Amino acid sequence: LTTLILGIVMARVVSLGPYIPKTEDAWVFAKPSAIQALGVMSFAFICHHNCFLVYGSLEDPTVAKWSRIIHMSTLASVLISTLFATCGYLTFTGFTQGDLFENYCRNDDLVTFGRFCYAVTVILT
């Protein structure tokens, strides 16, 4: 479902991007308010409560396998998060809100379907 949601957000970069007014200094990130992002970056990948369950489910649990799983899953999480952030910021630049779906109109059927997919993902995890 995440790839479907990402596809929806990417489609909206192309279809909505030209209609959103651009903001001045939209690509300057060294601002005093940037410090607020540290909290999000610090806690974005906390999943220690699942570690024992995943490690125990390995067929032959070894440190090498566990290390490979940790590195691959963290890399995948970083890539997906970066794609979402980049697509959202490319579309809305300085008008981007913390919740990406809050940027889109309530009557946008494609994005509403994306919201539904996100809700299903949250419910099932």
PDB file of N, CA and C in Angstrom:
ATOM      1  N   LEU A   1       0.810  -1.205   0.000  1.00  0.00           N
ATOM      2  CA  LEU A   1       0.000   0.000   0.000  1.00  0.00           C
ATOM      3  C   LEU A   1       0.850   1.264   0.000  1.00  0.00           C
ATOM      4  N   THR A   2       2.013   1.184   0.636  1.00  0.00           N
ATOM      5  CA  THR A   2       2.875   2.363   0.681  1.00  0.00           C
ATOM      6  C   THR A   2       3.302   2.785  -0.717  1.00  0.00           C
ATOM      7  N   THR A   3       3.627   1.833  -1.561  1.00  0.00           N
ATOM      8  CA  THR A   3       4.031   2.191  -2.921  1.00  0.00           C
ATOM      9  C   THR A   3       2.867   2.792  -3.705  1.00  0.00           C
ATOM     10  N   LEU A   4       1.658   2.332  -3.433  1.00  0.00           N
ATOM     11  CA  LEU A   4       0.478   2.911  -4.077  1.00  0.00           C
ATOM     12  C   LEU A   4       0.281   4.360  -3.630  1.00  0.00           C
ATOM     13  N   ILE A   5       0.408   4.596  -2.325  1.00  0.00           N
ATOM     14  CA  ILE A   5       0.276   5.958  -1.799  1.00  0.00           C
ATOM     15  C   ILE A   5       1.369   6.850  -2.372  1.00  0.00           C
ATOM     16  N   LEU A   6       2.592   6.331  -2.440  1.00  0.00           N
ATOM     17  CA  LEU A   6       3.700   7.101  -3.002  1.00  0.00           C
ATOM     18  C   LEU A   6       3.438   7.429  -4.465  1.00  0.00           C
ATOM     19  N   GLY A   7       2.873   6.499  -5.194  1.00  0.00           N
ATOM     20  CA  GLY A   7       2.513   6.765  -6.589  1.00  0.00           C
ATOM     21  C   GLY A   7       1.482   7.872  -6.712  1.00  0.00           C
ATOM     22  N   ILE A   8       0.516   7.900  -5.797  1.00  0.00           N
ATOM     23  CA  ILE A   8      -0.500   8.959  -5.796  1.00  0.00           C
ATOM     24  C   ILE A   8       0.150  10.310  -5.540  1.00  0.00           C
ATOM     25  N   VAL A   9       1.036  10.364  -4.544  1.00  0.00           N
ATOM     26  CA  VAL A   9       1.717  11.626  -4.224  1.00  0.00           C
ATOM     27  C   VAL A   9       2.587  12.071  -5.397  1.00  0.00           C
ATOM     28  N   MET A  10       3.263  11.133  -6.044  1.00  0.00           N
ATOM     29  CA  MET A  10       4.095  11.482  -7.203  1.00  0.00           C
ATOM     30  C   MET A  10       3.240  11.985  -8.366  1.00  0.00           C
ATOM     31  N   ALA A  11       2.078  11.391  -8.554  1.00  0.00           N
ATOM     32  CA  ALA A  11       1.185  11.856  -9.622  1.00  0.00           C
ATOM     33  C   ALA A  11       0.721  13.278  -9.360  1.00  0.00           C
ATOM     34  N   ARG A  12       0.518  13.616  -8.112  1.00  0.00           N
ATOM     35  CA  ARG A  12       0.069  14.963  -7.770  1.00  0.00           C
ATOM     36  C   ARG A  12       1.194  15.995  -7.894  1.00  0.00           C
ATOM     37  N   VAL A  13       2.445  15.568  -7.831  1.00  0.00           N
ATOM     38  CA  VAL A  13       3.548  16.508  -8.084  1.00  0.00           C
ATOM     39  C   VAL A  13       3.419  17.049  -9.498  1.00  0.00           C
ATOM     40  N   VAL A  14       3.144  16.156 -10.427  1.00  0.00           N
ATOM     41  CA  VAL A  14       3.041  16.541 -11.833  1.00  0.00           C
ATOM     42  C   VAL A  14       1.764  17.331 -12.100  1.00  0.00           C
ATOM     43  N   SER A  15       0.653  16.892 -11.512  1.00  0.00           N
ATOM     44  CA  SER A  15      -0.626  17.523 -11.844  1.00  0.00           C
ATOM     45  C   SER A  15      -0.919  18.790 -11.050  1.00  0.00           C
ATOM     46  N   LEU A  16      -0.430  18.903  -9.814  1.00  0.00           N
ATOM     47  CA  LEU A  16      -0.721  20.089  -8.997  1.00  0.00           C
ATOM     48  C   LEU A  16       0.426  21.088  -8.920  1.00  0.00           C
ATOM     49  N   GLY A  17       1.648  20.605  -9.068  1.00  0.00           N
ATOM     50  CA  GLY A  17       2.824  21.457  -8.903  1.00  0.00           C
ATOM     51  C   GLY A  17       2.775  22.787  -9.625  1.00  0.00           C
ATOM     52  N   PRO A  18       2.408  22.815 -10.895  1.00  0.00           N
ATOM     53  CA  PRO A  18       2.385  24.090 -11.622  1.00  0.00           C
ATOM     54  C   PRO A  18       1.338  25.080 -11.105  1.00  0.00           C
ATOM     55  N   TYR A  19       0.327  24.612 -10.395  1.00  0.00           N
ATOM     56  CA  TYR A  19      -0.752  25.487  -9.941  1.00  0.00           C
ATOM     57  C   TYR A  19      -0.534  26.066  -8.545  1.00  0.00           C
ATOM     58  N   ILE A  20       0.429  25.543  -7.806  1.00  0.00           N
ATOM     59  CA  ILE A  20       0.716  26.033  -6.457  1.00  0.00           C
ATOM     60  C   ILE A  20       1.703  27.185  -6.572  1.00  0.00           C
ATOM     61  N   PRO A  21       1.387  28.348  -5.981  1.00  0.00           N
ATOM     62  CA  PRO A  21       2.330  29.472  -6.069  1.00  0.00           C
ATOM     63  C   PRO A  21       3.632  29.144  -5.344  1.00  0.00           C
ATOM     64  N   LYS A  22       4.725  29.555  -5.916  1.00  0.00           N
ATOM     65  CA  LYS A  22       6.036  29.302  -5.325  1.00  0.00           C
ATOM     66  C   LYS A  22       6.322  30.343  -4.251  1.00  0.00           C
ATOM     67  N   THR A  23       7.056  29.935  -3.232  1.00  0.00           N
ATOM     68  CA  THR A  23       7.400  30.839  -2.141  1.00  0.00           C
ATOM     69  C   THR A  23       8.844  31.297  -2.276  1.00  0.00           C
ATOM     70  N   GLU A  24       9.097  32.466  -1.762  1.00  0.00           N
ATOM     71  CA  GLU A  24      10.446  33.017  -1.792  1.00  0.00           C
ATOM     72  C   GLU A  24      11.321  32.247  -0.809  1.00  0.00           C
ATOM     73  N   ASP A  25      12.544  31.987  -1.178  1.00  0.00           N
ATOM     74  CA  ASP A  25      13.500  31.240  -0.353  1.00  0.00           C
ATOM     75  C   ASP A  25      12.981  29.855   0.029  1.00  0.00           C
ATOM     76  N   ALA A  26      12.250  29.223  -0.860  1.00  0.00           N
ATOM     77  CA  ALA A  26      11.685  27.908  -0.558  1.00  0.00           C
ATOM     78  C   ALA A  26      12.762  26.843  -0.397  1.00  0.00           C
ATOM     79  N   TRP A  27      13.914  27.036  -1.000  1.00  0.00           N
ATOM     80  CA  TRP A  27      14.958  26.027  -0.954  1.00  0.00           C
ATOM     81  C   TRP A  27      16.095  26.395  -0.011  1.00  0.00           C
ATOM     82  N   VAL A  28      15.870  27.366   0.865  1.00  0.00           N
ATOM     83  CA  VAL A  28      16.842  27.708   1.903  1.00  0.00           C
ATOM     84  C   VAL A  28      16.405  26.989   3.175  1.00  0.00           C
ATOM     85  N   PHE A  29      17.215  26.057   3.630  1.00  0.00           N
ATOM     86  CA  PHE A  29      16.806  25.227   4.762  1.00  0.00           C
ATOM     87  C   PHE A  29      17.476  25.610   6.075  1.00  0.00           C
ATOM     88  N   ALA A  30      18.495  26.436   6.045  1.00  0.00           N
ATOM     89  CA  ALA A  30      19.183  26.829   7.269  1.00  0.00           C
ATOM     90  C   ALA A  30      18.453  28.004   7.905  1.00  0.00           C
ATOM     91  N   LYS A  31      17.286  27.724   8.454  1.00  0.00           N
ATOM     92  CA  LYS A  31      16.475  28.740   9.110  1.00  0.00           C
ATOM     93  C   LYS A  31      16.376  28.398  10.591  1.00  0.00           C
ATOM     94  N   PRO A  32      16.061  29.371  11.430  1.00  0.00           N
ATOM     95  CA  PRO A  32      15.936  29.078  12.866  1.00  0.00           C
ATOM     96  C   PRO A  32      14.882  28.010  13.177  1.00  0.00           C
ATOM     97  N   SER A  33      13.872  27.890  12.358  1.00  0.00           N
ATOM     98  CA  SER A  33      12.822  26.901  12.624  1.00  0.00           C
ATOM     99  C   SER A  33      13.240  25.480  12.250  1.00  0.00           C
ATOM    100  N   ALA A  34      14.388  25.313  11.623  1.00  0.00           N
ATOM    101  CA  ALA A  34      14.841  23.975  11.217  1.00  0.00           C
ATOM    102  C   ALA A  34      15.131  23.088  12.418  1.00  0.00           C
ATOM    103  N   ILE A  35      15.405  23.669  13.568  1.00  0.00           N
ATOM    104  CA  ILE A  35      15.705  22.896  14.773  1.00  0.00           C
ATOM    105  C   ILE A  35      14.511  22.046  15.197  1.00  0.00           C
ATOM    106  N   GLN A  36      13.305  22.451  14.821  1.00  0.00           N
ATOM    107  CA  GLN A  36      12.109  21.682  15.169  1.00  0.00           C
ATOM    108  C   GLN A  36      12.115  20.307  14.518  1.00  0.00           C
ATOM    109  N   ALA A  37      12.793  20.171  13.421  1.00  0.00           N
ATOM    110  CA  ALA A  37      12.829  18.895  12.703  1.00  0.00           C
ATOM    111  C   ALA A  37      13.680  17.850  13.419  1.00  0.00           C
ATOM    112  N   LEU A  38      14.526  18.252  14.347  1.00  0.00           N
ATOM    113  CA  LEU A  38      15.377  17.290  15.043  1.00  0.00           C
ATOM    114  C   LEU A  38      14.564  16.249  15.798  1.00  0.00           C
ATOM    115  N   GLY A  39      13.463  16.665  16.409  1.00  0.00           N
ATOM    116  CA  GLY A  39      12.618  15.714  17.129  1.00  0.00           C
ATOM    117  C   GLY A  39      12.055  14.644  16.220  1.00  0.00           C
ATOM    118  N   VAL A  40      11.615  15.058  15.066  1.00  0.00           N
ATOM    119  CA  VAL A  40      11.070  14.096  14.102  1.00  0.00           C
ATOM    120  C   VAL A  40      12.166  13.158  13.626  1.00  0.00           C
ATOM    121  N   MET A  41      13.321  13.705  13.296  1.00  0.00           N
ATOM    122  CA  MET A  41      14.417  12.866  12.811  1.00  0.00           C
ATOM    123  C   MET A  41      14.925  11.928  13.900  1.00  0.00           C
ATOM    124  N   SER A  42      14.879  12.358  15.155  1.00  0.00           N
ATOM    125  CA  SER A  42      15.375  11.529  16.248  1.00  0.00           C
ATOM    126  C   SER A  42      14.503  10.311  16.498  1.00  0.00           C
ATOM    127  N   PHE A  43      13.203  10.465  16.346  1.00  0.00           N
ATOM    128  CA  PHE A  43      12.287   9.392  16.708  1.00  0.00           C
ATOM    129  C   PHE A  43      11.598   8.733  15.519  1.00  0.00           C
ATOM    130  N   ALA A  44      11.979   9.066  14.316  1.00  0.00           N
ATOM    131  CA  ALA A  44      11.284   8.555  13.133  1.00  0.00           C
ATOM    132  C   ALA A  44      11.454   7.053  12.941  1.00  0.00           C
ATOM    133  N   PHE A  45      12.559   6.503  13.345  1.00  0.00           N
ATOM    134  CA  PHE A  45      12.819   5.095  13.059  1.00  0.00           C
ATOM    135  C   PHE A  45      12.841   4.234  14.322  1.00  0.00           C
ATOM    136  N   ILE A  46      12.114   4.633  15.334  1.00  0.00           N
ATOM    137  CA  ILE A  46      12.059   3.838  16.559  1.00  0.00           C
ATOM    138  C   ILE A  46      11.121   2.659  16.334  1.00  0.00           C
ATOM    139  N   CYS A  47      11.674   1.502  16.386  1.00  0.00           N
ATOM    140  CA  CYS A  47      10.866   0.287  16.218  1.00  0.00           C
ATOM    141  C   CYS A  47      11.435  -0.835  17.084  1.00  0.00           C
ATOM    142  N   HIS A  48      12.071  -0.479  18.190  1.00  0.00           N
ATOM    143  CA  HIS A  48      12.729  -1.470  19.023  1.00  0.00           C
ATOM    144  C   HIS A  48      11.764  -2.495  19.613  1.00  0.00           C
ATOM    145  N   HIS A  49      10.488  -2.149  19.725  1.00  0.00           N
ATOM    146  CA  HIS A  49       9.521  -3.084  20.288  1.00  0.00           C
ATOM    147  C   HIS A  49       9.292  -4.295  19.381  1.00  0.00           C
ATOM    148  N   ASN A  50       9.652  -4.208  18.120  1.00  0.00           N
ATOM    149  CA  ASN A  50       9.493  -5.329  17.189  1.00  0.00           C
ATOM    150  C   ASN A  50      10.767  -6.149  17.008  1.00  0.00           C
ATOM    151  N   CYS A  51      11.867  -5.690  17.530  1.00  0.00           N
ATOM    152  CA  CYS A  51      13.152  -6.348  17.271  1.00  0.00           C
ATOM    153  C   CYS A  51      13.172  -7.809  17.708  1.00  0.00           C
ATOM    154  N   PHE A  52      12.712  -8.091  18.918  1.00  0.00           N
ATOM    155  CA  PHE A  52      12.762  -9.469  19.404  1.00  0.00           C
ATOM    156  C   PHE A  52      11.847 -10.378  18.590  1.00  0.00           C
ATOM    157  N   LEU A  53      10.703  -9.867  18.185  1.00  0.00           N
ATOM    158  CA  LEU A  53       9.771 -10.641  17.367  1.00  0.00           C
ATOM    159  C   LEU A  53      10.380 -10.974  16.005  1.00  0.00           C
ATOM    160  N   VAL A  54      10.993  -9.998  15.372  1.00  0.00           N
ATOM    161  CA  VAL A  54      11.595 -10.226  14.057  1.00  0.00           C
ATOM    162  C   VAL A  54      12.811 -11.146  14.176  1.00  0.00           C
ATOM    163  N   TYR A  55      13.663 -10.893  15.165  1.00  0.00           N
ATOM    164  CA  TYR A  55      14.848 -11.736  15.341  1.00  0.00           C
ATOM    165  C   TYR A  55      14.441 -13.182  15.630  1.00  0.00           C
ATOM    166  N   GLY A  56      13.429 -13.361  16.457  1.00  0.00           N
ATOM    167  CA  GLY A  56      12.964 -14.704  16.788  1.00  0.00           C
ATOM    168  C   GLY A  56      12.305 -15.416  15.621  1.00  0.00           C
ATOM    169  N   SER A  57      11.832 -14.673  14.649  1.00  0.00           N
ATOM    170  CA  SER A  57      11.171 -15.300  13.500  1.00  0.00           C
ATOM    171  C   SER A  57      12.155 -15.715  12.404  1.00  0.00           C
ATOM    172  N   LEU A  58      13.428 -15.368  12.563  1.00  0.00           N
ATOM    173  CA  LEU A  58      14.426 -15.783  11.576  1.00  0.00           C
ATOM    174  C   LEU A  58      14.611 -17.298  11.631  1.00  0.00           C
ATOM    175  N   GLU A  59      14.792 -17.907  10.461  1.00  0.00           N
ATOM    176  CA  GLU A  59      14.967 -19.357  10.404  1.00  0.00           C
ATOM    177  C   GLU A  59      16.251 -19.777  11.114  1.00  0.00           C
ATOM    178  N   ASP A  60      17.322 -19.079  10.853  1.00  0.00           N
ATOM    179  CA  ASP A  60      18.604 -19.336  11.510  1.00  0.00           C
ATOM    180  C   ASP A  60      19.133 -17.989  11.998  1.00  0.00           C
ATOM    181  N   PRO A  61      18.731 -17.561  13.198  1.00  0.00           N
ATOM    182  CA  PRO A  61      19.110 -16.217  13.653  1.00  0.00           C
ATOM    183  C   PRO A  61      20.606 -16.099  13.950  1.00  0.00           C
ATOM    184  N   THR A  62      21.267 -15.287  13.158  1.00  0.00           N
ATOM    185  CA  THR A  62      22.676 -14.986  13.387  1.00  0.00           C
ATOM    186  C   THR A  62      22.835 -13.468  13.395  1.00  0.00           C
ATOM    187  N   VAL A  63      23.943 -13.024  13.934  1.00  0.00           N
ATOM    188  CA  VAL A  63      24.208 -11.587  13.984  1.00  0.00           C
ATOM    189  C   VAL A  63      24.361 -11.026  12.573  1.00  0.00           C
ATOM    190  N   ALA A  64      24.965 -11.783  11.681  1.00  0.00           N
ATOM    191  CA  ALA A  64      25.149 -11.308  10.301  1.00  0.00           C
ATOM    192  C   ALA A  64      23.802 -11.118   9.601  1.00  0.00           C
ATOM    193  N   LYS A  65      22.898 -12.081   9.751  1.00  0.00           N
ATOM    194  CA  LYS A  65      21.568 -11.943   9.145  1.00  0.00           C
ATOM    195  C   LYS A  65      20.810 -10.772   9.760  1.00  0.00           C
ATOM    196  N   TRP A  66      20.894 -10.667  11.077  1.00  0.00           N
ATOM    197  CA  TRP A  66      20.198  -9.588  11.774  1.00  0.00           C
ATOM    198  C   TRP A  66      20.738  -8.229  11.329  1.00  0.00           C
ATOM    199  N   SER A  67      22.023  -8.122  11.195  1.00  0.00           N
ATOM    200  CA  SER A  67      22.635  -6.874  10.739  1.00  0.00           C
ATOM    201  C   SER A  67      22.169  -6.517   9.332  1.00  0.00           C
ATOM    202  N   ARG A  68      22.108  -7.514   8.448  1.00  0.00           N
ATOM    203  CA  ARG A  68      21.650  -7.268   7.084  1.00  0.00           C
ATOM    204  C   ARG A  68      20.193  -6.801   7.069  1.00  0.00           C
ATOM    205  N   ILE A  69      19.351  -7.427   7.874  1.00  0.00           N
ATOM    206  CA  ILE A  69      17.939  -7.033   7.946  1.00  0.00           C
ATOM    207  C   ILE A  69      17.803  -5.609   8.465  1.00  0.00           C
ATOM    208  N   ILE A  70      18.536  -5.277   9.503  1.00  0.00           N
ATOM    209  CA  ILE A  70      18.468  -3.930  10.083  1.00  0.00           C
ATOM    210  C   ILE A  70      18.903  -2.887   9.061  1.00  0.00           C
ATOM    211  N   HIS A  71      20.021  -3.131   8.399  1.00  0.00           N
ATOM    212  CA  HIS A  71      20.526  -2.156   7.435  1.00  0.00           C
ATOM    213  C   HIS A  71      19.601  -2.003   6.232  1.00  0.00           C
ATOM    214  N   MET A  72      19.086  -3.097   5.720  1.00  0.00           N
ATOM    215  CA  MET A  72      18.199  -3.020   4.555  1.00  0.00           C
ATOM    216  C   MET A  72      16.873  -2.344   4.897  1.00  0.00           C
ATOM    217  N   SER A  73      16.316  -2.664   6.054  1.00  0.00           N
ATOM    218  CA  SER A  73      15.031  -2.059   6.419  1.00  0.00           C
ATOM    219  C   SER A  73      15.184  -0.580   6.742  1.00  0.00           C
ATOM    220  N   THR A  74      16.275  -0.205   7.382  1.00  0.00           N
ATOM    221  CA  THR A  74      16.500   1.215   7.659  1.00  0.00           C
ATOM    222  C   THR A  74      16.722   1.981   6.362  1.00  0.00           C
ATOM    223  N   LEU A  75      17.479   1.420   5.443  1.00  0.00           N
ATOM    224  CA  LEU A  75      17.697   2.064   4.147  1.00  0.00           C
ATOM    225  C   LEU A  75      16.377   2.222   3.389  1.00  0.00           C
ATOM    226  N   ALA A  76      15.548   1.184   3.398  1.00  0.00           N
ATOM    227  CA  ALA A  76      14.244   1.272   2.729  1.00  0.00           C
ATOM    228  C   ALA A  76      13.381   2.354   3.367  1.00  0.00           C
ATOM    229  N   SER A  77      13.389   2.433   4.689  1.00  0.00           N
ATOM    230  CA  SER A  77      12.603   3.460   5.386  1.00  0.00           C
ATOM    231  C   SER A  77      13.086   4.862   5.047  1.00  0.00           C
ATOM    232  N   VAL A  78      14.389   5.043   5.008  1.00  0.00           N
ATOM    233  CA  VAL A  78      14.944   6.357   4.667  1.00  0.00           C
ATOM    234  C   VAL A  78      14.578   6.732   3.229  1.00  0.00           C
ATOM    235  N   LEU A  79      14.693   5.791   2.312  1.00  0.00           N
ATOM    236  CA  LEU A  79      14.365   6.080   0.910  1.00  0.00           C
ATOM    237  C   LEU A  79      12.890   6.431   0.732  1.00  0.00           C
ATOM    238  N   ILE A  80      12.007   5.668   1.348  1.00  0.00           N
ATOM    239  CA  ILE A  80      10.574   5.943   1.230  1.00  0.00           C
ATOM    240  C   ILE A  80      10.233   7.283   1.862  1.00  0.00           C
ATOM    241  N   SER A  81      10.764   7.552   3.043  1.00  0.00           N
ATOM    242  CA  SER A  81      10.503   8.835   3.706  1.00  0.00           C
ATOM    243  C   SER A  81      11.035  10.002   2.885  1.00  0.00           C
ATOM    244  N   THR A  82      12.219   9.835   2.312  1.00  0.00           N
ATOM    245  CA  THR A  82      12.803  10.893   1.486  1.00  0.00           C
ATOM    246  C   THR A  82      11.969  11.138   0.233  1.00  0.00           C
ATOM    247  N   LEU A  83      11.471  10.080  -0.378  1.00  0.00           N
ATOM    248  CA  LEU A  83      10.619  10.242  -1.559  1.00  0.00           C
ATOM    249  C   LEU A  83       9.327  10.982  -1.218  1.00  0.00           C
ATOM    250  N   PHE A  84       8.687  10.606  -0.109  1.00  0.00           N
ATOM    251  CA  PHE A  84       7.474  11.311   0.312  1.00  0.00           C
ATOM    252  C   PHE A  84       7.766  12.782   0.581  1.00  0.00           C
ATOM    253  N   ALA A  85       8.830  13.049   1.324  1.00  0.00           N
ATOM    254  CA  ALA A  85       9.164  14.433   1.667  1.00  0.00           C
ATOM    255  C   ALA A  85       9.499  15.249   0.428  1.00  0.00           C
ATOM    256  N   THR A  86      10.279  14.677  -0.469  1.00  0.00           N
ATOM    257  CA  THR A  86      10.670  15.392  -1.681  1.00  0.00           C
ATOM    258  C   THR A  86       9.466  15.690  -2.565  1.00  0.00           C
ATOM    259  N   CYS A  87       8.622  14.693  -2.765  1.00  0.00           N
ATOM    260  CA  CYS A  87       7.433  14.910  -3.607  1.00  0.00           C
ATOM    261  C   CYS A  87       6.496  15.938  -2.988  1.00  0.00           C
ATOM    262  N   GLY A  88       6.289  15.858  -1.692  1.00  0.00           N
ATOM    263  CA  GLY A  88       5.430  16.835  -1.031  1.00  0.00           C
ATOM    264  C   GLY A  88       5.995  18.237  -1.105  1.00  0.00           C
ATOM    265  N   TYR A  89       7.301  18.360  -0.901  1.00  0.00           N
ATOM    266  CA  TYR A  89       7.904  19.692  -0.929  1.00  0.00           C
ATOM    267  C   TYR A  89       7.997  20.240  -2.346  1.00  0.00           C
ATOM    268  N   LEU A  90       8.232  19.380  -3.322  1.00  0.00           N
ATOM    269  CA  LEU A  90       8.250  19.844  -4.713  1.00  0.00           C
ATOM    270  C   LEU A  90       6.889  20.396  -5.122  1.00  0.00           C
ATOM    271  N   THR A  91       5.833  19.820  -4.588  1.00  0.00           N
ATOM    272  CA  THR A  91       4.491  20.272  -4.937  1.00  0.00           C
ATOM    273  C   THR A  91       4.129  21.568  -4.235  1.00  0.00           C
ATOM    274  N   PHE A  92       4.354  21.644  -2.922  1.00  0.00           N
ATOM    275  CA  PHE A  92       3.822  22.753  -2.125  1.00  0.00           C
ATOM    276  C   PHE A  92       4.883  23.726  -1.614  1.00  0.00           C
ATOM    277  N   THR A  93       6.136  23.458  -1.791  1.00  0.00           N
ATOM    278  CA  THR A  93       7.283  24.260  -1.306  1.00  0.00           C
ATOM    279  C   THR A  93       7.000  24.853   0.070  1.00  0.00           C
ATOM    280  N   GLY A  94       6.973  26.147   0.201  1.00  0.00           N
ATOM    281  CA  GLY A  94       6.827  26.793   1.503  1.00  0.00           C
ATOM    282  C   GLY A  94       5.476  26.618   2.161  1.00  0.00           C
ATOM    283  N   PHE A  95       4.503  26.109   1.438  1.00  0.00           N
ATOM    284  CA  PHE A  95       3.166  25.898   1.992  1.00  0.00           C
ATOM    285  C   PHE A  95       2.972  24.483   2.540  1.00  0.00           C
ATOM    286  N   THR A  96       4.014  23.672   2.525  1.00  0.00           N
ATOM    287  CA  THR A  96       3.906  22.284   2.962  1.00  0.00           C
ATOM    288  C   THR A  96       3.587  22.216   4.448  1.00  0.00           C
ATOM    289  N   GLN A  97       2.572  21.435   4.795  1.00  0.00           N
ATOM    290  CA  GLN A  97       2.184  21.230   6.189  1.00  0.00           C
ATOM    291  C   GLN A  97       2.820  19.950   6.709  1.00  0.00           C
ATOM    292  N   GLY A  98       2.805  19.780   8.016  1.00  0.00           N
ATOM    293  CA  GLY A  98       3.433  18.614   8.628  1.00  0.00           C
ATOM    294  C   GLY A  98       2.840  17.292   8.181  1.00  0.00           C
ATOM    295  N   ASP A  99       1.530  17.235   8.037  1.00  0.00           N
ATOM    296  CA  ASP A  99       0.860  16.046   7.518  1.00  0.00           C
ATOM    297  C   ASP A  99       0.657  16.261   6.023  1.00  0.00           C
ATOM    298  N   LEU A 100       1.322  15.482   5.221  1.00  0.00           N
ATOM    299  CA  LEU A 100       1.308  15.692   3.771  1.00  0.00           C
ATOM    300  C   LEU A 100      -0.103  15.693   3.200  1.00  0.00           C
ATOM    301  N   PHE A 101      -0.973  14.828   3.696  1.00  0.00           N
ATOM    302  CA  PHE A 101      -2.338  14.763   3.168  1.00  0.00           C
ATOM    303  C   PHE A 101      -3.155  16.009   3.492  1.00  0.00           C
ATOM    304  N   GLU A 102      -2.759  16.782   4.484  1.00  0.00           N
ATOM    305  CA  GLU A 102      -3.473  18.021   4.813  1.00  0.00           C
ATOM    306  C   GLU A 102      -3.278  19.094   3.742  1.00  0.00           C
ATOM    307  N   ASN A 103      -2.299  18.938   2.898  1.00  0.00           N
ATOM    308  CA  ASN A 103      -2.047  19.907   1.832  1.00  0.00           C
ATOM    309  C   ASN A 103      -3.049  19.801   0.688  1.00  0.00           C
ATOM    310  N   TYR A 104      -3.629  18.641   0.532  1.00  0.00           N
ATOM    311  CA  TYR A 104      -4.516  18.398  -0.605  1.00  0.00           C
ATOM    312  C   TYR A 104      -5.963  18.731  -0.253  1.00  0.00           C
ATOM    313  N   CYS A 105      -6.751  19.035  -1.279  1.00  0.00           N
ATOM    314  CA  CYS A 105      -8.171  19.356  -1.098  1.00  0.00           C
ATOM    315  C   CYS A 105      -8.926  18.124  -0.602  1.00  0.00           C
ATOM    316  N   ARG A 106      -9.966  18.369   0.165  1.00  0.00           N
ATOM    317  CA  ARG A 106     -10.796  17.271   0.670  1.00  0.00           C
ATOM    318  C   ARG A 106     -11.585  16.592  -0.450  1.00  0.00           C
ATOM    319  N   ASN A 107     -11.837  17.299  -1.532  1.00  0.00           N
ATOM    320  CA  ASN A 107     -12.629  16.712  -2.613  1.00  0.00           C
ATOM    321  C   ASN A 107     -11.764  16.121  -3.731  1.00  0.00           C
ATOM    322  N   ASP A 108     -10.486  15.937  -3.478  1.00  0.00           N
ATOM    323  CA  ASP A 108      -9.586  15.290  -4.438  1.00  0.00           C
ATOM    324  C   ASP A 108      -9.733  13.777  -4.267  1.00  0.00           C
ATOM    325  N   ASP A 109     -10.406  13.142  -5.212  1.00  0.00           N
ATOM    326  CA  ASP A 109     -10.725  11.720  -5.084  1.00  0.00           C
ATOM    327  C   ASP A 109      -9.485  10.835  -5.039  1.00  0.00           C
ATOM    328  N   LEU A 110      -8.484  11.152  -5.830  1.00  0.00           N
ATOM    329  CA  LEU A 110      -7.268  10.341  -5.848  1.00  0.00           C
ATOM    330  C   LEU A 110      -6.561  10.401  -4.497  1.00  0.00           C
ATOM    331  N   VAL A 111      -6.450  11.585  -3.929  1.00  0.00           N
ATOM    332  CA  VAL A 111      -5.788  11.734  -2.633  1.00  0.00           C
ATOM    333  C   VAL A 111      -6.651  11.140  -1.520  1.00  0.00           C
ATOM    334  N   THR A 112      -7.963  11.229  -1.642  1.00  0.00           N
ATOM    335  CA  THR A 112      -8.842  10.595  -0.659  1.00  0.00           C
ATOM    336  C   THR A 112      -8.640   9.083  -0.665  1.00  0.00           C
ATOM    337  N   PHE A 113      -8.436   8.512  -1.839  1.00  0.00           N
ATOM    338  CA  PHE A 113      -8.104   7.092  -1.913  1.00  0.00           C
ATOM    339  C   PHE A 113      -6.754   6.828  -1.238  1.00  0.00           C
ATOM    340  N   GLY A 114      -5.800   7.731  -1.411  1.00  0.00           N
ATOM    341  CA  GLY A 114      -4.513   7.611  -0.726  1.00  0.00           C
ATOM    342  C   GLY A 114      -4.672   7.676   0.781  1.00  0.00           C
ATOM    343  N   ARG A 115      -5.544   8.545   1.264  1.00  0.00           N
ATOM    344  CA  ARG A 115      -5.833   8.621   2.703  1.00  0.00           C
ATOM    345  C   ARG A 115      -6.423   7.297   3.202  1.00  0.00           C
ATOM    346  N   PHE A 116      -7.328   6.727   2.415  1.00  0.00           N
ATOM    347  CA  PHE A 116      -7.926   5.441   2.768  1.00  0.00           C
ATOM    348  C   PHE A 116      -6.851   4.357   2.850  1.00  0.00           C
ATOM    349  N   CYS A 117      -5.963   4.306   1.871  1.00  0.00           N
ATOM    350  CA  CYS A 117      -4.876   3.322   1.879  1.00  0.00           C
ATOM    351  C   CYS A 117      -3.977   3.512   3.091  1.00  0.00           C
ATOM    352  N   TYR A 118      -3.711   4.756   3.440  1.00  0.00           N
ATOM    353  CA  TYR A 118      -2.885   5.035   4.619  1.00  0.00           C
ATOM    354  C   TYR A 118      -3.590   4.554   5.883  1.00  0.00           C
ATOM    355  N   ALA A 119      -4.899   4.793   5.980  1.00  0.00           N
ATOM    356  CA  ALA A 119      -5.655   4.339   7.146  1.00  0.00           C
ATOM    357  C   ALA A 119      -5.617   2.818   7.263  1.00  0.00           C
ATOM    358  N   VAL A 120      -5.751   2.125   6.146  1.00  0.00           N
ATOM    359  CA  VAL A 120      -5.678   0.660   6.160  1.00  0.00           C
ATOM    360  C   VAL A 120      -4.294   0.210   6.621  1.00  0.00           C
ATOM    361  N   THR A 121      -3.264   0.879   6.150  1.00  0.00           N
ATOM    362  CA  THR A 121      -1.897   0.543   6.562  1.00  0.00           C
ATOM    363  C   THR A 121      -1.717   0.718   8.066  1.00  0.00           C
ATOM    364  N   VAL A 122      -2.219   1.818   8.608  1.00  0.00           N
ATOM    365  CA  VAL A 122      -2.088   2.075  10.045  1.00  0.00           C
ATOM    366  C   VAL A 122      -2.875   1.045  10.850  1.00  0.00           C
ATOM    367  N   ILE A 123      -4.067   0.716  10.397  1.00  0.00           N
ATOM    368  CA  ILE A 123      -4.895  -0.253  11.115  1.00  0.00           C
ATOM    369  C   ILE A 123      -4.246  -1.634  11.128  1.00  0.00           C
ATOM    370  N   LEU A 124      -3.603  -2.012  10.044  1.00  0.00           N
ATOM    371  CA  LEU A 124      -3.031  -3.355   9.938  1.00  0.00           C
ATOM    372  C   LEU A 124      -1.629  -3.486  10.532  1.00  0.00           C
ATOM    373  N   THR A 125      -1.043  -2.399  11.010  1.00  0.00           N
ATOM    374  CA  THR A 125       0.304  -2.523  11.585  1.00  0.00           C
ATOM    375  C   THR A 125       0.310  -2.455  13.068  1.00  0.00           C
TER     376      THR A 125
END
